[in-house]
Amino acid sequence: LAGPAAPARLARRPRFLTDHQHLLYRLLRAAFPDHVIMANIRIVDLVESSIEQSARPELEARRRQLLQERADCVVCNNDLVPLAALVVYENGIAKVPDERIKVDALRELGIKFLRFRADKSC
């Protein structure tokens, strides 16, 4: 009998952000030195989570949808209040993905949304 299979090994990413995300992050840090820039944030983490809201099935369903939605960078004031969410699309994306869930949630939360397309010159 063969012994237990060895667990699959994880590989660490070379860097937390892609080159284009890193460039966006650095540009935002330079442009907004008095703000906090957060990188690679789930949109669901911008939504209030309370026991009262969890009891409402329609809100919980929306929160589950937002688990898959991300922003490459979020600009916050010094009190860590989110002001804007930004996404940069990599080369090779012919069509912008459907963002209605993300955009609607950000609009409802009062957070600006900005989209950038990386081109070959970045």
Protein backbone atom coordinates (compact mmCIF):
# COMPACT_ATOMS: atom_id res chain seq x y z
CA LEU A 1 0.00 0.00 0.00
CA ALA A 2 1.18 3.45 -0.85
CA GLY A 3 1.49 6.05 1.88
CA PRO A 4 -0.56 9.25 1.98
CA ALA A 5 -0.06 11.54 -0.96
CA ALA A 6 2.16 14.51 -0.33
CA PRO A 7 0.17 17.75 -0.07
CA ALA A 8 0.32 20.05 -3.06
CA ARG A 9 2.90 22.75 -2.50
CA LEU A 10 1.97 26.38 -2.72
CA ALA A 11 4.09 28.80 -4.69
CA ARG A 12 4.52 32.36 -3.49
CA ARG A 13 3.73 35.10 -5.97
CA PRO A 14 6.87 37.02 -6.95
CA ARG A 15 5.15 40.29 -6.01
CA PHE A 16 1.78 41.11 -4.42
CA LEU A 17 0.72 43.37 -7.32
CA THR A 18 1.12 43.03 -11.06
CA ASP A 19 3.35 45.56 -12.79
CA HIS A 20 0.33 47.65 -13.84
CA GLN A 21 -1.25 47.52 -10.39
CA HIS A 22 2.07 48.49 -8.84
CA LEU A 23 2.39 51.45 -11.21
CA LEU A 24 -1.15 52.59 -10.34
CA TYR A 25 -0.36 52.24 -6.63
CA ARG A 26 2.84 54.31 -6.94
CA LEU A 27 1.09 57.01 -9.00
CA LEU A 28 -1.69 57.28 -6.42
CA ARG A 29 0.81 57.47 -3.55
CA ALA A 30 2.60 60.33 -5.32
CA ALA A 31 -0.61 62.14 -6.28
CA PHE A 32 -2.29 61.80 -2.86
CA PRO A 33 0.44 61.96 -0.20
CA ASP A 34 -2.08 62.89 2.51
CA HIS A 35 -4.27 59.86 1.77
CA VAL A 36 -3.98 56.15 2.46
CA ILE A 37 -3.79 53.91 -0.61
CA MET A 38 -4.83 50.31 -0.16
CA ALA A 39 -4.13 47.67 -2.78
CA ASN A 40 -6.04 44.63 -4.02
CA ILE A 41 -9.18 45.13 -1.91
CA ARG A 42 -12.36 43.06 -2.04
CA ILE A 43 -15.44 45.24 -2.61
CA VAL A 44 -17.32 43.27 0.06
CA ASP A 45 -14.82 44.59 2.63
CA LEU A 46 -16.15 48.11 1.97
CA VAL A 47 -19.69 47.06 2.98
CA GLU A 48 -20.99 47.31 6.55
CA SER A 49 -21.38 43.88 8.08
CA SER A 50 -23.80 43.67 10.98
CA ILE A 51 -25.94 40.98 12.56
CA GLU A 52 -29.05 42.93 11.55
CA GLN A 53 -28.01 42.95 7.88
CA SER A 54 -26.98 39.28 7.93
CA ALA A 55 -30.55 38.37 8.89
CA ARG A 56 -31.84 39.86 5.63
CA PRO A 57 -31.44 37.23 2.88
CA GLU A 58 -31.40 39.74 0.00
CA LEU A 59 -28.51 41.67 1.57
CA GLU A 60 -26.60 38.48 2.29
CA ALA A 61 -27.05 37.41 -1.35
CA ARG A 62 -25.59 40.73 -2.53
CA ARG A 63 -22.65 40.34 -0.14
CA ARG A 64 -21.94 36.88 -1.57
CA GLN A 65 -21.90 38.36 -5.09
CA LEU A 66 -19.43 41.01 -3.97
CA LEU A 67 -16.98 38.40 -2.65
CA GLN A 68 -15.63 37.99 -6.20
CA GLU A 69 -15.40 41.72 -6.96
CA ARG A 70 -12.10 43.53 -6.36
CA ALA A 71 -10.51 46.94 -6.73
CA ASP A 72 -6.83 47.22 -7.57
CA CYS A 73 -6.50 50.30 -5.36
CA VAL A 74 -8.76 52.13 -2.93
CA VAL A 75 -8.02 55.73 -1.96
CA CYS A 76 -8.97 56.53 1.65
CA ASN A 77 -8.73 59.67 3.74
CA ASN A 78 -6.60 59.61 6.90
CA ASP A 79 -9.52 58.21 8.89
CA LEU A 80 -9.52 55.25 6.44
CA VAL A 81 -12.84 56.26 4.92
CA PRO A 82 -12.88 54.94 1.33
CA LEU A 83 -13.25 57.71 -1.26
CA ALA A 84 -12.48 56.03 -4.58
CA ALA A 85 -11.94 52.54 -5.97
CA LEU A 86 -9.72 52.07 -9.02
CA VAL A 87 -9.22 49.18 -11.42
CA VAL A 88 -6.58 48.79 -14.11
CA TYR A 89 -7.13 46.30 -16.91
CA GLU A 90 -4.10 44.47 -18.23
CA ASN A 91 -3.01 44.22 -21.85
CA GLY A 92 -4.88 41.70 -23.90
CA ILE A 93 -8.34 42.33 -22.48
CA ALA A 94 -10.34 43.08 -25.59
CA LYS A 95 -13.54 43.90 -23.73
CA VAL A 96 -14.05 45.32 -20.25
CA PRO A 97 -15.70 42.69 -18.03
CA ASP A 98 -19.25 43.24 -16.82
CA GLU A 99 -18.87 45.53 -13.82
CA ARG A 100 -22.50 46.23 -12.96
CA ILE A 101 -22.40 44.47 -9.59
CA LYS A 102 -19.24 46.32 -8.56
CA VAL A 103 -20.28 49.71 -9.97
CA ASP A 104 -23.78 49.55 -8.47
CA ALA A 105 -22.40 48.65 -5.04
CA LEU A 106 -19.79 51.42 -5.11
CA ARG A 107 -22.37 53.97 -6.23
CA GLU A 108 -24.69 52.90 -3.41
CA LEU A 109 -21.80 53.23 -0.93
CA GLY A 110 -20.91 56.71 -2.21
CA ILE A 111 -17.47 55.61 -3.43
CA LYS A 112 -16.19 56.90 -6.78
CA PHE A 113 -15.13 54.29 -9.35
CA LEU A 114 -12.35 54.83 -11.90
CA ARG A 115 -11.25 52.38 -14.58
CA PHE A 116 -7.92 52.49 -16.41
CA ARG A 117 -6.61 50.43 -19.32
CA ALA A 118 -2.95 49.51 -19.36
CA ASP A 119 -1.41 49.69 -22.78
CA LYS A 120 1.88 48.43 -24.12
CA SER A 121 3.71 51.64 -23.19
CA CYS A 122 3.28 51.07 -19.43
